[in-house]
Amino acid sequence: MVDTIQIFCKNTENYVDVRGGETLLEIYERLKNEIPLRPICAHVNNKTEGLTYPVFKPKVVDFIDEKTPSGQRMYVRSLCMVLAKAVRDLFPDDGLRIEHSISKGYFCSLKRQEELVEETVAAIRRRMEEIISSDMPFMRHVKLASDVTEMFRQEGMSDKVQLLETSSELYAAYYCLDGFIDSYYGDLVPSTGYLRVFDLQKYKNGMLLLPPDFAGDCRVPAKMIPQEKLFKAFTDYIRFNGIVGVSNVGELNKIVEKRSNVDMLINVAETLHDKIIGRIADEITERYHEGGARVVLVAGPSSSGKTTTTKRLSIHLLANLIKPQMISLDNYFVDREHTPRDEHGEYDYESLYALDIEQFNKDLNALIRGEKVAMPTYDFATGKRVYKGDTLQLTDNSILLMEGIHGLNPELTKSIPEKQKFKVYVSALTTLSIDDHNWVPTTDNRLLRRIIRDYKYRGISALDTITRWPSVRRGEEKWIFPYQENADAMFNSSLIFELGVMKDFAEPLLKKVPHNVPEYAEAHRLLNFLGCFREIGNRQVPSTSLLREFLGGSSFKY
């Protein structure tokens, strides 16, 4: 006799009797007339689970669709396995690499084909469509990690072998799709029929996998947008990864096992940062001597390392005999009662129009003309902009250097001639992969940085940071990312070793997120993600490192 248990379904706000062992999909089929969405997965006790998850104990279940972050990740993971199978079916002696997100999609390449032609991409797309039309099941299995390692070894998946060999887990999960095996860091949808919306286009020397337009109409694929400069920033670092022999987490973990090699890796990565910042400073200096680049604007998303980048850039400019004068955009906030409000009625300090753009441009033009300008200060206690007698005047060989999220938005400096501006975009464009089919999202890297910094310097818990993150991301999508290609220079602030260092800092904070809150799903996911990495001690990280902005111990003042 099968036991009957009760779950609480958040979608219906009711308790539901279920048979022990029923899957989430079977439960949904009985409730679908009461649930106004077609789920792709569910949060079970605030953990993301696939629809094939069996329920044996009382649970709180919240069915979610692909419009949610968890649903989007599951859709994309599942689509990646379809792509991987299509490549294996057509090119059994080749291998797929899914490298990073770009242009609203995911850049992919084949290991043995330096340049993909349109006919090859079209053939892979057709095979993906056939697999999806066949509605093949994704079969999840769990076996001893040693057995799974041997299975991947026989399939020639050395990247997955390395990762499993450097893992301390006893068991490992993998998926089987019509005889093809693969592993992903999160569950997949029940079958390929869930994945009818996608596109695959030739892109650069590879191809671009486009999921549904999650931000708009999920019934159509996302539309590719050109991001030439961003792509080059990724490509430059991937080339660096190849030179140092660390392109995935398994290779990084192998280096960590050989402690003597870690110092070299850190020093080389830090030197690369310094060289790139130095080249940007040289370009600014050259333009300055040609009569331009009087205003340098440093912009980028949250936790990209804008502040340290700006400080290191100022040092290189000084070495080039150019004196940077700093301006804080925060001092140009409008009085609080004039601040725009967001969709929740809260003050929107992320909005461009939270700044007094007219006064800002008036002051910038006066400074460029060599005039002495009274500089404002924003009093956050009173919500007023005040003048305390501070002045600024540019002297010979001096430029204005400022950091802020709106630096690349033309509206911010609309009255300043383009020749007089030099724009730098900073972001942590992570190029390290977990393995060939699992990449490290740049947003996860930045979120972990922010969790650590918020706790260390602001006393904000990981729970509160995770709660605020969706709002931060919405602001970035609206005010930062549309303008990133306006940059004159791009600086990739990611460090190939940083996730191994941040692991020891982030894990204790994530473990404090309570199980009974929705944010636990994200904390649990990040903990599983960090579990892939071997720890790297932070004592080897120099005091000038950008990573010190988040960890502490920096020689810069913030």
Foldseek 3Di string as FASTA:
>chain_A
DWDWAWEQEPQQRHIDIDTFFDFQLNVCVVCVVSHPDDAQWWQWLLATDARRDTHHYYIYIYGHDCLDPSNVVQLVLQLLVLLQVLCCVVPVPKGKFFWADAQQFTWIAIPVQQADDFVVQVSSQVSSQVQLVVFWFKDKDKDFLVVVLVVVVVSVQVLVNLLSVLFPDGMDMWIATPNDIDDDLGDHGGTSPVQNEWDWGRDDRTITTWQAPSVPDRVYTDDGDDDPQVVVQLVVVCVVCVVLVFQAQSSVSVLVVVVVNPLVQQVVLQVVLLVQLLVLLVVLLVLVVVPAQQEEEEAEAFQLLRVLSLVSNQVSNVVVVAHEDEDEQVLQFAQQVQADADPVRHRDPLDPVSGPLVVVLVQVVCQVVFHKAQGWGQDPVRSHIHTDRDIDHDDPRYHYYYYDNQRLPCSSNVPDDPRHYAYEYTFQRDRYANGRSGRDHSLLVSLLLCQQQCCPPVVDANLVSLVCVVVSVVSCVVRHVVRPSSHPYYRNQHRNCVLLASLVRRLVRLVPPDSNDSSVNVSVSSNSVSSSHHHDHCVSNDQSRSSCSRNPNHPDDD
